[in-house]
């Protein structure tokens, strides 16, 4: 029985990552060019920050909000009820390599955290633009991951927090850079150095 369960776990872990890929993750070369183009500046203040200034989750289609849309996108064999709440499926968290079957064990991570965005230029945005950022399904800004891993990350940038799975750090760096580049956010020198180290680990 244990062997059978081990085999099942392996099959879920192998099958799920392909579905847990946010859109528009750039190549190493593109991410490098974007990293080089980002403005390096001292970190801004959190004065005035509130998560309420980044309205989420919003309705995306029918009964589905942003969280539910990402859960459907990033899971394997996901079924939902009439309210778009997942009723079955499995989710592989690429940050830590865990697989979950209960959606309550998952958070939708803002790859570039909302507070980090605020300190990097989003404090000057309109609420409408901040809402678009917080619900961005077009760029690699949202991903379903283990809830306590997301909570341990908090609002840290890559100079102080990186996925525990070293194999995913290349992808994480490419997502972070592409999101900051698309949204015109600044970065700090320590953050840039950490991102460069992570990109150096990429094969492509």
Protein backbone atom coordinates (compact mmCIF):
# COMPACT_ATOMS: atom_id res chain seq x y z
CA UNK A 1 0.00 0.00 0.00
CA UNK A 2 2.80 2.39 0.90
CA UNK A 3 4.51 1.68 -2.42
CA UNK A 4 1.27 2.34 -4.26
CA UNK A 5 0.82 5.63 -2.44
CA UNK A 6 4.40 6.60 -3.16
CA UNK A 7 3.84 5.88 -6.84
CA UNK A 8 0.67 7.98 -6.81
CA UNK A 9 2.48 10.90 -5.20
CA UNK A 10 5.23 10.67 -7.79
CA UNK A 11 2.78 10.65 -10.66
CA UNK A 12 1.04 13.75 -9.29
CA UNK A 13 4.31 15.59 -8.83
CA UNK A 14 5.42 14.71 -12.35
CA UNK A 15 2.10 15.54 -13.98
CA UNK A 16 1.26 18.78 -12.22
CA UNK A 17 4.18 21.15 -12.94
CA UNK A 18 3.24 21.54 -16.61
CA UNK A 19 -0.09 23.00 -15.53
CA UNK A 20 1.42 25.25 -12.86
CA UNK A 21 3.11 27.60 -15.26
CA UNK A 22 2.09 31.28 -15.29
CA UNK A 23 1.90 32.88 -18.75
CA UNK A 24 4.60 34.79 -20.61
CA UNK A 25 7.67 33.67 -18.66
CA UNK A 26 10.53 35.12 -20.73
CA UNK A 27 13.68 33.43 -21.94
CA UNK A 28 16.91 33.94 -20.04
CA UNK A 29 18.12 36.38 -22.70
CA UNK A 30 14.95 38.46 -22.55
CA UNK A 31 14.94 38.50 -18.76
CA UNK A 32 18.59 39.58 -18.77
CA UNK A 33 17.84 42.47 -21.13
CA UNK A 34 14.89 43.52 -18.99
CA UNK A 35 16.92 43.30 -15.78
CA UNK A 36 19.59 45.49 -17.36
CA UNK A 37 16.91 48.04 -18.31
CA UNK A 38 15.26 48.31 -14.89
CA UNK A 39 15.92 51.44 -12.85
CA UNK A 40 17.97 50.84 -9.70
CA UNK A 41 16.98 53.08 -6.80
CA UNK A 42 16.74 53.08 -3.03
CA UNK A 43 13.65 51.38 -1.67
CA UNK A 44 10.70 53.67 -1.11
CA UNK A 45 8.59 54.07 2.00
CA UNK A 46 5.56 52.00 3.01
CA UNK A 47 3.85 55.18 4.21
CA UNK A 48 0.23 55.16 3.11
CA UNK A 49 0.31 51.53 2.01
CA UNK A 50 -2.74 49.30 2.36
CA UNK A 51 -3.67 46.08 0.57
CA UNK A 52 -7.07 47.70 0.04
CA UNK A 53 -5.37 50.05 -2.43
CA UNK A 54 -4.77 46.97 -4.63
CA UNK A 55 -8.35 45.64 -4.98
CA UNK A 56 -8.39 41.85 -5.36
CA UNK A 57 -9.77 39.36 -6.05
CA UNK A 58 -12.02 40.62 -8.84
CA UNK A 59 -14.50 38.75 -11.05
CA UNK A 60 -12.78 37.43 -14.17
CA UNK A 61 -15.44 35.38 -15.95
CA UNK A 62 -18.88 34.25 -14.86
CA UNK A 63 -18.68 33.25 -11.19
CA UNK A 64 -14.88 32.92 -11.23
CA UNK A 65 -12.68 35.47 -9.47
CA UNK A 66 -8.93 35.84 -9.90
CA UNK A 67 -8.01 33.31 -7.20
CA UNK A 68 -10.34 30.68 -8.63
CA UNK A 69 -9.08 31.35 -12.15
CA UNK A 70 -5.46 30.77 -11.08
CA UNK A 71 -6.43 27.61 -9.18
CA UNK A 72 -8.06 26.25 -12.34
CA UNK A 73 -5.06 27.26 -14.45
CA UNK A 74 -2.36 25.92 -12.14
CA UNK A 75 -4.03 22.68 -11.06
CA UNK A 76 -4.38 19.25 -12.62
CA UNK A 77 -7.79 17.62 -13.05
CA UNK A 78 -9.56 20.57 -11.43
CA UNK A 79 -13.36 20.51 -11.26
CA UNK A 80 -15.43 23.37 -9.85
CA UNK A 81 -19.01 23.87 -8.68
CA UNK A 82 -21.49 26.49 -9.92
CA UNK A 83 -19.77 29.10 -7.72
CA UNK A 84 -16.40 28.27 -9.37
CA UNK A 85 -15.08 26.84 -6.10
CA UNK A 86 -12.75 23.89 -6.81
CA UNK A 87 -14.25 20.59 -5.64
CA UNK A 88 -11.41 18.32 -6.76
CA UNK A 89 -7.97 18.44 -8.33
CA UNK A 90 -4.31 18.50 -7.38
CA UNK A 91 -1.87 21.37 -7.22
CA UNK A 92 1.92 21.24 -7.36
CA UNK A 93 3.66 24.12 -5.59
CA UNK A 94 6.91 24.75 -7.51
CA UNK A 95 8.37 26.88 -4.72
CA UNK A 96 8.69 23.92 -2.33
CA UNK A 97 7.79 20.83 -4.38
CA UNK A 98 4.66 19.96 -2.39
CA UNK A 99 1.48 18.60 -3.98
CA UNK A 100 -1.93 19.41 -2.49
CA UNK A 101 -5.46 18.20 -3.11
CA UNK A 102 -7.25 20.70 -0.86
CA UNK A 103 -7.37 24.22 -2.35
CA UNK A 104 -7.45 25.70 1.16
CA UNK A 105 -3.79 24.64 1.45
CA UNK A 106 -2.89 27.05 -1.34
CA UNK A 107 -2.36 30.79 -1.58
CA UNK A 108 -2.18 32.75 -4.80
CA UNK A 109 1.20 34.43 -4.56
CA UNK A 110 1.79 37.86 -6.02
CA UNK A 111 5.28 37.12 -7.38
CA UNK A 112 6.16 40.78 -6.87
CA UNK A 113 4.38 41.40 -3.55
CA UNK A 114 1.93 44.28 -3.31
CA UNK A 115 3.93 46.06 -0.60
CA UNK A 116 7.12 45.59 -2.64
CA UNK A 117 5.37 47.11 -5.65
CA UNK A 118 4.24 50.04 -3.51
CA UNK A 119 7.83 50.70 -2.41
CA UNK A 120 9.01 50.37 -6.01
CA UNK A 121 6.71 52.89 -7.65
CA UNK A 122 3.11 51.67 -7.34
CA UNK A 123 2.48 54.28 -4.65
CA UNK A 124 2.06 56.81 -7.48
CA UNK A 125 -0.38 54.68 -9.49
CA UNK A 126 -4.12 55.06 -9.72
CA UNK A 127 -6.22 52.52 -7.84
CA UNK A 128 -7.36 51.18 -11.21
CA UNK A 129 -3.77 50.42 -12.24
CA UNK A 130 -3.03 48.83 -8.87
CA UNK A 131 -6.12 46.64 -9.32
CA UNK A 132 -4.86 45.52 -12.72
CA UNK A 133 -1.49 44.67 -11.20
CA UNK A 134 -3.01 42.72 -8.30
CA UNK A 135 -5.13 40.63 -10.68
CA UNK A 136 -2.62 40.28 -13.54
CA UNK A 137 -3.33 37.08 -15.45
CA UNK A 138 -1.45 38.14 -18.60
CA UNK A 139 2.07 38.33 -17.15
CA UNK A 140 3.75 35.90 -14.69
CA UNK A 141 2.65 37.77 -11.58
CA UNK A 142 0.29 35.21 -9.99
CA UNK A 143 0.93 31.57 -9.07
CA UNK A 144 -0.70 29.00 -6.79
CA UNK A 145 1.71 27.86 -4.05
CA UNK A 146 1.71 26.30 -0.59
CA UNK A 147 0.01 28.77 1.75
CA UNK A 148 2.60 28.83 4.54
CA UNK A 149 5.40 29.23 1.99
CA UNK A 150 3.67 32.29 0.60
CA UNK A 151 3.16 33.61 4.11
CA UNK A 152 6.84 33.10 4.97
CA UNK A 153 7.77 35.07 1.85
CA UNK A 154 5.58 37.99 2.89
CA UNK A 155 6.67 41.16 1.09
CA UNK A 156 10.34 40.18 0.70
CA UNK A 157 12.29 40.59 -2.53
CA UNK A 158 14.83 38.03 -3.86
CA UNK A 159 17.68 39.53 -1.83
CA UNK A 160 16.09 38.07 1.32
CA UNK A 161 13.71 35.36 0.04
CA UNK A 162 13.95 32.78 -2.74
CA UNK A 163 12.07 29.51 -3.35
CA UNK A 164 13.50 26.64 -1.30
CA UNK A 165 13.57 24.53 -4.48
CA UNK A 166 16.78 25.77 -6.07
CA UNK A 167 15.67 24.26 -9.40
CA UNK A 168 12.87 26.84 -9.56
CA UNK A 169 14.93 29.93 -8.78
CA UNK A 170 15.76 30.57 -12.42
CA UNK A 171 12.07 30.59 -13.32
CA UNK A 172 11.21 32.70 -10.28
CA UNK A 173 13.80 35.31 -11.25
CA UNK A 174 12.50 35.45 -14.83
CA UNK A 175 8.94 35.93 -13.57
CA UNK A 176 9.98 38.63 -11.09
CA UNK A 177 12.01 40.56 -13.66
CA UNK A 178 9.34 40.35 -16.36
CA UNK A 179 6.62 41.57 -14.01
CA UNK A 180 8.69 44.50 -12.74
CA UNK A 181 9.70 45.38 -16.29
CA UNK A 182 6.16 45.25 -17.67
CA UNK A 183 4.77 47.33 -14.82
CA UNK A 184 7.64 49.84 -14.81
CA UNK A 185 8.74 49.21 -11.24
CA UNK A 186 12.16 50.03 -9.79
CA UNK A 187 14.49 47.64 -7.98
CA UNK A 188 17.24 47.91 -5.37
CA UNK A 189 20.88 47.08 -5.96
CA UNK A 190 20.80 44.05 -3.58
CA UNK A 191 17.65 42.82 -5.31
CA UNK A 192 19.29 43.19 -8.72
CA UNK A 193 22.38 41.30 -7.56
CA UNK A 194 20.24 38.44 -6.25
CA UNK A 195 18.23 38.30 -9.47
CA UNK A 196 21.44 38.23 -11.52
CA UNK A 197 22.75 35.28 -9.52
CA UNK A 198 19.47 33.46 -10.06
CA UNK A 199 19.44 34.20 -13.80
CA UNK A 200 23.00 32.92 -14.05
CA UNK A 201 21.64 29.51 -13.05
CA UNK A 202 19.30 29.43 -16.05
CA UNK A 203 20.17 27.24 -19.03
CA UNK A 204 17.82 29.17 -21.32
